[in-house]
């Protein structure tokens, strides 16, 4: 039973690679056209050259032979075949039974459908965060609440804003409760991706610039968890209190949609 399952996976991998190789033309990948071809698409030697891998090794890989391939090999092949995020993830699942590391993906952009979904919640603040808590998409209600469009792109990060923005901190009446709850959730995210370089760099950088973050991170206390703030002073100095729900936008890209509900 296990052998039949393994054979099926290898067959699926071979078909996947041949199909994507057949979809590309030499001109699309910067190679010269060399006359008429018996079959459409790139040749195996062209994919191997573009990926910077050996022709024999790539041929065996495409044939579904039982060989071990590295993460670097798979990423190189994915780049050569111009795979998008979902296709790159599928390649890793077929070849290694796991998704690629988060930094391997080409972008953290959300689909137009997800943006349309959050835009159709005009009275409920909603935003999408990645593994490092960068806010990669938001609606007008979240913009009014947090002033996201006025932030520089590299500063549009919820945890960074909470720990380093003095104006936002002034507007957080329960900062002493909200901040450690966010940090506790970040610690859970680190457990999901314990060797993710971008997340480690984010934590190291924030530890250097925020004494509060550094103190709580190195001496954690038991607390509840949150992906959003619990209360905020609005522009009229009225305290608004919130609950949140979190939905998964993309499991492998670690994209989360956080929707606020006013209490």
C-alpha atoms as a PDB file:
ATOM      1  CA  UNK A   1       0.000   0.000   0.000  1.00  0.00           C
ATOM      2  CA  UNK A   2       2.805   2.427   0.965  1.00  0.00           C
ATOM      3  CA  UNK A   3       4.736   1.615  -2.230  1.00  0.00           C
ATOM      4  CA  UNK A   4       1.711   2.339  -4.404  1.00  0.00           C
ATOM      5  CA  UNK A   5       1.259   5.673  -2.618  1.00  0.00           C
ATOM      6  CA  UNK A   6       4.945   6.529  -3.115  1.00  0.00           C
ATOM      7  CA  UNK A   7       4.796   5.579  -6.790  1.00  0.00           C
ATOM      8  CA  UNK A   8       1.746   7.766  -7.245  1.00  0.00           C
ATOM      9  CA  UNK A   9       3.543  10.748  -5.681  1.00  0.00           C
ATOM     10  CA  UNK A  10       6.527  10.259  -7.994  1.00  0.00           C
ATOM     11  CA  UNK A  11       4.236  10.036 -10.999  1.00  0.00           C
ATOM     12  CA  UNK A  12       2.502  13.251  -9.909  1.00  0.00           C
ATOM     13  CA  UNK A  13       5.876  14.976  -9.492  1.00  0.00           C
ATOM     14  CA  UNK A  14       6.984  13.890 -12.967  1.00  0.00           C
ATOM     15  CA  UNK A  15       3.747  15.066 -14.538  1.00  0.00           C
ATOM     16  CA  UNK A  16       3.906  18.363 -12.658  1.00  0.00           C
ATOM     17  CA  UNK A  17       7.444  19.108 -13.858  1.00  0.00           C
ATOM     18  CA  UNK A  18       6.772  18.090 -17.462  1.00  0.00           C
ATOM     19  CA  UNK A  19       3.606  20.167 -17.586  1.00  0.00           C
ATOM     20  CA  UNK A  20       5.285  23.331 -16.320  1.00  0.00           C
ATOM     21  CA  UNK A  21       8.313  22.777 -18.542  1.00  0.00           C
ATOM     22  CA  UNK A  22       5.976  22.439 -21.501  1.00  0.00           C
ATOM     23  CA  UNK A  23       4.222  25.729 -20.729  1.00  0.00           C
ATOM     24  CA  UNK A  24       7.355  27.859 -21.178  1.00  0.00           C
ATOM     25  CA  UNK A  25       9.014  29.049 -24.355  1.00  0.00           C
ATOM     26  CA  UNK A  26      12.724  29.876 -24.682  1.00  0.00           C
ATOM     27  CA  UNK A  27      11.968  33.551 -25.239  1.00  0.00           C
ATOM     28  CA  UNK A  28      10.029  33.710 -21.953  1.00  0.00           C
ATOM     29  CA  UNK A  29      13.124  32.695 -19.997  1.00  0.00           C
ATOM     30  CA  UNK A  30      15.667  34.678 -22.008  1.00  0.00           C
ATOM     31  CA  UNK A  31      16.921  31.857 -24.235  1.00  0.00           C
ATOM     32  CA  UNK A  32      17.288  32.142 -28.017  1.00  0.00           C
ATOM     33  CA  UNK A  33      14.797  30.385 -30.252  1.00  0.00           C
ATOM     34  CA  UNK A  34      16.520  27.510 -32.045  1.00  0.00           C
ATOM     35  CA  UNK A  35      14.032  26.606 -34.720  1.00  0.00           C
ATOM     36  CA  UNK A  36      11.104  24.243 -34.674  1.00  0.00           C
ATOM     37  CA  UNK A  37      10.764  21.818 -31.764  1.00  0.00           C
ATOM     38  CA  UNK A  38       9.180  18.405 -31.826  1.00  0.00           C
ATOM     39  CA  UNK A  39       7.405  19.120 -28.527  1.00  0.00           C
ATOM     40  CA  UNK A  40       6.374  22.454 -27.042  1.00  0.00           C
ATOM     41  CA  UNK A  41       8.139  24.011 -24.107  1.00  0.00           C
ATOM     42  CA  UNK A  42      11.658  23.923 -22.738  1.00  0.00           C
ATOM     43  CA  UNK A  43      14.019  20.997 -23.011  1.00  0.00           C
ATOM     44  CA  UNK A  44      15.299  19.332 -19.870  1.00  0.00           C
ATOM     45  CA  UNK A  45      18.812  20.607 -20.489  1.00  0.00           C
ATOM     46  CA  UNK A  46      17.467  24.156 -20.693  1.00  0.00           C
ATOM     47  CA  UNK A  47      15.690  23.837 -17.339  1.00  0.00           C
ATOM     48  CA  UNK A  48      18.848  22.371 -15.800  1.00  0.00           C
ATOM     49  CA  UNK A  49      20.934  25.249 -17.165  1.00  0.00           C
ATOM     50  CA  UNK A  50      18.489  27.884 -15.928  1.00  0.00           C
ATOM     51  CA  UNK A  51      18.351  26.257 -12.496  1.00  0.00           C
ATOM     52  CA  UNK A  52      22.131  25.798 -12.303  1.00  0.00           C
ATOM     53  CA  UNK A  53      21.838  22.055 -11.612  1.00  0.00           C
ATOM     54  CA  UNK A  54      23.254  19.018 -13.342  1.00  0.00           C
ATOM     55  CA  UNK A  55      21.333  17.666 -16.346  1.00  0.00           C
ATOM     56  CA  UNK A  56      21.548  14.056 -15.156  1.00  0.00           C
ATOM     57  CA  UNK A  57      20.344  14.972 -11.694  1.00  0.00           C
ATOM     58  CA  UNK A  58      17.438  17.035 -13.045  1.00  0.00           C
ATOM     59  CA  UNK A  59      16.513  14.260 -15.498  1.00  0.00           C
ATOM     60  CA  UNK A  60      16.399  11.706 -12.711  1.00  0.00           C
ATOM     61  CA  UNK A  61      14.371  14.123 -10.589  1.00  0.00           C
ATOM     62  CA  UNK A  62      11.824  14.672 -13.358  1.00  0.00           C
ATOM     63  CA  UNK A  63      11.634  10.941 -13.966  1.00  0.00           C
ATOM     64  CA  UNK A  64      10.640  10.468 -10.321  1.00  0.00           C
ATOM     65  CA  UNK A  65      13.661   8.426  -9.377  1.00  0.00           C
ATOM     66  CA  UNK A  66      14.401   7.881  -5.709  1.00  0.00           C
ATOM     67  CA  UNK A  67      17.023  10.599  -5.227  1.00  0.00           C
ATOM     68  CA  UNK A  68      17.423  13.138  -2.463  1.00  0.00           C
ATOM     69  CA  UNK A  69      17.222  16.793  -3.459  1.00  0.00           C
ATOM     70  CA  UNK A  70      18.018  19.824  -1.343  1.00  0.00           C
ATOM     71  CA  UNK A  71      15.892  22.846  -0.563  1.00  0.00           C
ATOM     72  CA  UNK A  72      18.244  24.917  -2.736  1.00  0.00           C
ATOM     73  CA  UNK A  73      17.724  22.516  -5.637  1.00  0.00           C
ATOM     74  CA  UNK A  74      13.943  22.780  -5.390  1.00  0.00           C
ATOM     75  CA  UNK A  75      13.996  26.567  -5.147  1.00  0.00           C
ATOM     76  CA  UNK A  76      16.287  26.770  -8.173  1.00  0.00           C
ATOM     77  CA  UNK A  77      13.987  24.546 -10.214  1.00  0.00           C
ATOM     78  CA  UNK A  78      10.946  26.539  -9.074  1.00  0.00           C
ATOM     79  CA  UNK A  79      12.610  29.753 -10.212  1.00  0.00           C
ATOM     80  CA  UNK A  80      13.636  28.262 -13.551  1.00  0.00           C
ATOM     81  CA  UNK A  81      10.078  27.090 -14.200  1.00  0.00           C
ATOM     82  CA  UNK A  82       8.638  30.442 -13.081  1.00  0.00           C
ATOM     83  CA  UNK A  83       6.419  28.822 -10.454  1.00  0.00           C
ATOM     84  CA  UNK A  84       4.193  31.075  -8.389  1.00  0.00           C
ATOM     85  CA  UNK A  85       3.772  30.710  -4.622  1.00  0.00           C
ATOM     86  CA  UNK A  86       1.113  28.004  -4.781  1.00  0.00           C
ATOM     87  CA  UNK A  87       3.027  26.036  -7.427  1.00  0.00           C
ATOM     88  CA  UNK A  88       6.287  26.319  -5.489  1.00  0.00           C
ATOM     89  CA  UNK A  89       4.492  25.001  -2.419  1.00  0.00           C
ATOM     90  CA  UNK A  90       3.036  22.105  -4.437  1.00  0.00           C
ATOM     91  CA  UNK A  91       6.498  21.219  -5.752  1.00  0.00           C
ATOM     92  CA  UNK A  92       7.882  21.019  -2.210  1.00  0.00           C
ATOM     93  CA  UNK A  93       4.943  18.922  -1.027  1.00  0.00           C
ATOM     94  CA  UNK A  94       5.418  16.453  -3.866  1.00  0.00           C
ATOM     95  CA  UNK A  95       9.200  16.267  -3.501  1.00  0.00           C
ATOM     96  CA  UNK A  96       9.678  16.502   0.261  1.00  0.00           C
ATOM     97  CA  UNK A  97       6.230  16.223   1.816  1.00  0.00           C
ATOM     98  CA  UNK A  98       6.466  19.706   3.354  1.00  0.00           C
ATOM     99  CA  UNK A  99       5.892  23.315   2.308  1.00  0.00           C
ATOM    100  CA  UNK A 100       8.842  25.539   1.449  1.00  0.00           C
ATOM    101  CA  UNK A 101      10.233  27.897   4.087  1.00  0.00           C
ATOM    102  CA  UNK A 102       8.374  31.173   4.376  1.00  0.00           C
ATOM    103  CA  UNK A 103      11.187  33.240   2.875  1.00  0.00           C
ATOM    104  CA  UNK A 104      11.177  31.073  -0.255  1.00  0.00           C
ATOM    105  CA  UNK A 105       7.925  32.505  -1.522  1.00  0.00           C
ATOM    106  CA  UNK A 106       8.006  35.216  -4.114  1.00  0.00           C
ATOM    107  CA  UNK A 107       5.656  37.658  -2.410  1.00  0.00           C
ATOM    108  CA  UNK A 108       3.298  38.157   0.476  1.00  0.00           C
ATOM    109  CA  UNK A 109       0.653  39.902  -1.587  1.00  0.00           C
ATOM    110  CA  UNK A 110      -2.937  38.876  -1.015  1.00  0.00           C
ATOM    111  CA  UNK A 111      -5.370  38.010  -3.759  1.00  0.00           C
ATOM    112  CA  UNK A 112      -7.833  40.608  -5.101  1.00  0.00           C
ATOM    113  CA  UNK A 113     -10.624  38.527  -3.600  1.00  0.00           C
ATOM    114  CA  UNK A 114      -9.255  38.846  -0.072  1.00  0.00           C
ATOM    115  CA  UNK A 115      -8.830  42.596  -0.504  1.00  0.00           C
ATOM    116  CA  UNK A 116     -12.406  42.824  -1.758  1.00  0.00           C
ATOM    117  CA  UNK A 117     -13.573  40.825   1.264  1.00  0.00           C
ATOM    118  CA  UNK A 118     -12.000  43.178   3.793  1.00  0.00           C
ATOM    119  CA  UNK A 119     -13.094  46.250   1.825  1.00  0.00           C
ATOM    120  CA  UNK A 120     -16.676  45.036   2.151  1.00  0.00           C
ATOM    121  CA  UNK A 121     -16.363  45.319   5.931  1.00  0.00           C
ATOM    122  CA  UNK A 122     -16.390  49.141   6.041  1.00  0.00           C
ATOM    123  CA  UNK A 123     -17.414  49.362   9.708  1.00  0.00           C
ATOM    124  CA  UNK A 124     -15.143  46.626  11.022  1.00  0.00           C
ATOM    125  CA  UNK A 125     -11.381  47.225  11.120  1.00  0.00           C
ATOM    126  CA  UNK A 126      -9.643  44.349   9.350  1.00  0.00           C
ATOM    127  CA  UNK A 127      -6.079  43.728   8.247  1.00  0.00           C
ATOM    128  CA  UNK A 128      -3.844  40.903   7.035  1.00  0.00           C
ATOM    129  CA  UNK A 129      -0.490  40.190   8.686  1.00  0.00           C
ATOM    130  CA  UNK A 130       2.381  37.931   7.697  1.00  0.00           C
ATOM    131  CA  UNK A 131       4.625  35.842   9.930  1.00  0.00           C
ATOM    132  CA  UNK A 132       6.572  38.926  11.088  1.00  0.00           C
ATOM    133  CA  UNK A 133       3.342  40.843  11.767  1.00  0.00           C
ATOM    134  CA  UNK A 134       3.824  43.225   8.850  1.00  0.00           C
ATOM    135  CA  UNK A 135       0.397  44.535   7.878  1.00  0.00           C
ATOM    136  CA  UNK A 136       0.269  43.672   4.179  1.00  0.00           C
ATOM    137  CA  UNK A 137      -3.376  44.660   3.534  1.00  0.00           C
ATOM    138  CA  UNK A 138      -6.101  46.560   5.367  1.00  0.00           C
ATOM    139  CA  UNK A 139      -9.473  48.203   4.908  1.00  0.00           C
ATOM    140  CA  UNK A 140     -10.560  51.805   5.429  1.00  0.00           C
ATOM    141  CA  UNK A 141     -11.822  51.134   8.970  1.00  0.00           C
ATOM    142  CA  UNK A 142      -8.402  49.765  10.001  1.00  0.00           C
ATOM    143  CA  UNK A 143      -6.762  52.764   8.347  1.00  0.00           C
ATOM    144  CA  UNK A 144      -8.907  55.160  10.353  1.00  0.00           C
ATOM    145  CA  UNK A 145      -8.153  53.243  13.524  1.00  0.00           C
ATOM    146  CA  UNK A 146      -4.384  52.851  13.131  1.00  0.00           C
ATOM    147  CA  UNK A 147      -3.358  55.369  10.461  1.00  0.00           C
ATOM    148  CA  UNK A 148      -1.787  52.660   8.325  1.00  0.00           C
ATOM    149  CA  UNK A 149      -1.640  54.513   5.022  1.00  0.00           C
ATOM    150  CA  UNK A 150       0.377  57.285   6.692  1.00  0.00           C
ATOM    151  CA  UNK A 151       3.037  54.808   7.894  1.00  0.00           C
ATOM    152  CA  UNK A 152       6.150  54.039   5.900  1.00  0.00           C
ATOM    153  CA  UNK A 153       5.994  50.521   4.466  1.00  0.00           C
ATOM    154  CA  UNK A 154       8.836  49.244   6.654  1.00  0.00           C
ATOM    155  CA  UNK A 155       7.130  50.666   9.776  1.00  0.00           C
ATOM    156  CA  UNK A 156       3.690  49.191   9.049  1.00  0.00           C
ATOM    157  CA  UNK A 157       4.061  46.376  11.553  1.00  0.00           C
ATOM    158  CA  UNK A 158       1.594  45.977  14.411  1.00  0.00           C
ATOM    159  CA  UNK A 159       4.028  44.826  17.098  1.00  0.00           C
ATOM    160  CA  UNK A 160       6.647  47.387  16.073  1.00  0.00           C
ATOM    161  CA  UNK A 161       3.992  50.124  16.195  1.00  0.00           C
ATOM    162  CA  UNK A 162       2.744  49.045  19.629  1.00  0.00           C
ATOM    163  CA  UNK A 163       6.240  48.895  21.139  1.00  0.00           C
ATOM    164  CA  UNK A 164       7.958  51.828  19.426  1.00  0.00           C
ATOM    165  CA  UNK A 165       5.337  54.400  18.335  1.00  0.00           C
ATOM    166  CA  UNK A 166       4.824  56.893  21.211  1.00  0.00           C
ATOM    167  CA  UNK A 167       1.642  58.319  19.689  1.00  0.00           C
ATOM    168  CA  UNK A 168       0.023  54.891  19.371  1.00  0.00           C
ATOM    169  CA  UNK A 169       1.140  54.025  22.872  1.00  0.00           C
ATOM    170  CA  UNK A 170      -0.562  57.190  24.138  1.00  0.00           C
ATOM    171  CA  UNK A 171      -3.791  56.049  22.494  1.00  0.00           C
ATOM    172  CA  UNK A 172      -3.669  52.602  24.097  1.00  0.00           C
ATOM    173  CA  UNK A 173      -5.284  52.906  27.547  1.00  0.00           C
ATOM    174  CA  UNK A 174      -4.591  49.230  28.293  1.00  0.00           C
ATOM    175  CA  UNK A 175      -1.098  49.132  26.828  1.00  0.00           C
ATOM    176  CA  UNK A 176       0.260  47.155  29.783  1.00  0.00           C
ATOM    177  CA  UNK A 177      -2.231  44.379  28.971  1.00  0.00           C
ATOM    178  CA  UNK A 178      -2.328  44.619  25.184  1.00  0.00           C
ATOM    179  CA  UNK A 179       1.420  44.640  24.525  1.00  0.00           C
ATOM    180  CA  UNK A 180       2.290  41.394  26.383  1.00  0.00           C
ATOM    181  CA  UNK A 181      -0.692  39.627  24.781  1.00  0.00           C
ATOM    182  CA  UNK A 182       0.632  40.460  21.332  1.00  0.00           C
ATOM    183  CA  UNK A 183       4.105  39.359  22.368  1.00  0.00           C
ATOM    184  CA  UNK A 184       2.715  36.056  23.682  1.00  0.00           C
ATOM    185  CA  UNK A 185       1.117  35.425  20.280  1.00  0.00           C
ATOM    186  CA  UNK A 186       4.405  36.287  18.560  1.00  0.00           C
ATOM    187  CA  UNK A 187       6.107  33.680  20.725  1.00  0.00           C
ATOM    188  CA  UNK A 188       3.589  31.106  19.471  1.00  0.00           C
ATOM    189  CA  UNK A 189       4.370  32.124  15.892  1.00  0.00           C
ATOM    190  CA  UNK A 190       8.069  31.580  16.555  1.00  0.00           C
ATOM    191  CA  UNK A 191       7.249  28.052  17.730  1.00  0.00           C
ATOM    192  CA  UNK A 192       5.547  27.413  14.378  1.00  0.00           C
ATOM    193  CA  UNK A 193       8.623  28.599  12.443  1.00  0.00           C
ATOM    194  CA  UNK A 194      11.507  28.353  14.956  1.00  0.00           C
ATOM    195  CA  UNK A 195      14.286  28.762  12.372  1.00  0.00           C
ATOM    196  CA  UNK A 196      12.694  31.364  10.141  1.00  0.00           C
ATOM    197  CA  UNK A 197      15.482  33.941   9.504  1.00  0.00           C
ATOM    198  CA  UNK A 198      13.181  36.901   8.888  1.00  0.00           C
ATOM    199  CA  UNK A 199      11.304  36.303  12.145  1.00  0.00           C
ATOM    200  CA  UNK A 200      14.526  35.909  14.116  1.00  0.00           C
ATOM    201  CA  UNK A 201      15.885  39.129  12.595  1.00  0.00           C
ATOM    202  CA  UNK A 202      12.654  40.941  13.453  1.00  0.00           C
ATOM    203  CA  UNK A 203      12.804  39.828  17.092  1.00  0.00           C
ATOM    204  CA  UNK A 204      16.504  40.719  17.382  1.00  0.00           C
ATOM    205  CA  UNK A 205      15.933  44.154  15.873  1.00  0.00           C
ATOM    206  CA  UNK A 206      12.982  44.967  18.108  1.00  0.00           C
ATOM    207  CA  UNK A 207      14.887  43.756  21.179  1.00  0.00           C
ATOM    208  CA  UNK A 208      17.586  46.316  20.441  1.00  0.00           C
ATOM    209  CA  UNK A 209      15.265  49.312  20.109  1.00  0.00           C
ATOM    210  CA  UNK A 210      12.549  48.575  22.675  1.00  0.00           C
ATOM    211  CA  UNK A 211      13.506  47.985  26.329  1.00  0.00           C
ATOM    212  CA  UNK A 212       9.960  46.821  27.121  1.00  0.00           C
ATOM    213  CA  UNK A 213      10.006  44.272  24.317  1.00  0.00           C
ATOM    214  CA  UNK A 214      13.456  43.076  25.363  1.00  0.00           C
ATOM    215  CA  UNK A 215      12.478  42.709  29.017  1.00  0.00           C
ATOM    216  CA  UNK A 216       9.271  40.807  28.331  1.00  0.00           C
ATOM    217  CA  UNK A 217      10.784  38.659  25.602  1.00  0.00           C
ATOM    218  CA  UNK A 218      13.658  37.431  27.761  1.00  0.00           C
ATOM    219  CA  UNK A 219      11.562  37.110  30.914  1.00  0.00           C
ATOM    220  CA  UNK A 220       8.166  36.019  29.601  1.00  0.00           C
ATOM    221  CA  UNK A 221       5.176  35.856  31.888  1.00  0.00           C
ATOM    222  CA  UNK A 222       2.112  33.707  31.420  1.00  0.00           C
ATOM    223  CA  UNK A 223      -0.614  35.725  29.783  1.00  0.00           C
ATOM    224  CA  UNK A 224      -3.409  35.484  27.274  1.00  0.00           C
ATOM    225  CA  UNK A 225      -2.827  35.789  23.545  1.00  0.00           C
ATOM    226  CA  UNK A 226      -4.056  38.296  20.968  1.00  0.00           C
ATOM    227  CA  UNK A 227      -3.504  39.283  17.330  1.00  0.00           C
ATOM    228  CA  UNK A 228      -5.060  42.691  17.872  1.00  0.00           C
ATOM    229  CA  UNK A 229      -5.328  45.469  20.414  1.00  0.00           C
ATOM    230  CA  UNK A 230      -8.123  45.430  22.956  1.00  0.00           C
ATOM    231  CA  UNK A 231      -8.830  49.153  23.321  1.00  0.00           C
ATOM    232  CA  UNK A 232      -7.927  52.399  21.617  1.00  0.00           C
ATOM    233  CA  UNK A 233      -8.673  56.097  21.929  1.00  0.00           C
ATOM    234  CA  UNK A 234     -10.330  57.297  18.736  1.00  0.00           C
ATOM    235  CA  UNK A 235      -9.947  60.787  17.266  1.00  0.00           C
ATOM    236  CA  UNK A 236     -12.649  62.075  19.632  1.00  0.00           C
ATOM    237  CA  UNK A 237     -10.751  60.754  22.680  1.00  0.00           C
ATOM    238  CA  UNK A 238     -13.434  58.096  23.210  1.00  0.00           C
ATOM    239  CA  UNK A 239     -12.202  54.678  24.270  1.00  0.00           C
ATOM    240  CA  UNK A 240     -13.267  51.961  21.847  1.00  0.00           C
ATOM    241  CA  UNK A 241     -12.999  48.376  23.035  1.00  0.00           C
ATOM    242  CA  UNK A 242     -12.621  45.412  20.731  1.00  0.00           C
ATOM    243  CA  UNK A 243     -12.674  41.676  20.377  1.00  0.00           C
ATOM    244  CA  UNK A 244     -11.026  39.947  17.401  1.00  0.00           C
ATOM    245  CA  UNK A 245     -11.393  36.903  15.227  1.00  0.00           C
ATOM    246  CA  UNK A 246      -8.535  35.517  13.148  1.00  0.00           C
ATOM    247  CA  UNK A 247      -8.929  33.659   9.845  1.00  0.00           C
ATOM    248  CA  UNK A 248      -6.230  31.893   7.854  1.00  0.00           C
ATOM    249  CA  UNK A 249      -5.672  33.512   4.461  1.00  0.00           C
ATOM    250  CA  UNK A 250      -2.716  31.341   3.432  1.00  0.00           C
ATOM    251  CA  UNK A 251      -1.401  28.585   5.690  1.00  0.00           C
ATOM    252  CA  UNK A 252       2.005  28.264   4.064  1.00  0.00           C
ATOM    253  CA  UNK A 253       2.656  31.996   3.744  1.00  0.00           C
ATOM    254  CA  UNK A 254       1.452  32.459   7.348  1.00  0.00           C
ATOM    255  CA  UNK A 255      -1.015  35.153   6.276  1.00  0.00           C
ATOM    256  CA  UNK A 256      -3.714  35.884   8.853  1.00  0.00           C
ATOM    257  CA  UNK A 257      -6.808  38.055   8.554  1.00  0.00           C
ATOM    258  CA  UNK A 258      -7.710  39.821  11.810  1.00  0.00           C
ATOM    259  CA  UNK A 259     -11.218  41.295  12.072  1.00  0.00           C
ATOM    260  CA  UNK A 260     -12.183  43.650  14.934  1.00  0.00           C
ATOM    261  CA  UNK A 261     -15.594  43.646  16.602  1.00  0.00           C
ATOM    262  CA  UNK A 262     -16.474  46.529  18.851  1.00  0.00           C
ATOM    263  CA  UNK A 263     -17.711  45.604  22.314  1.00  0.00           C
END
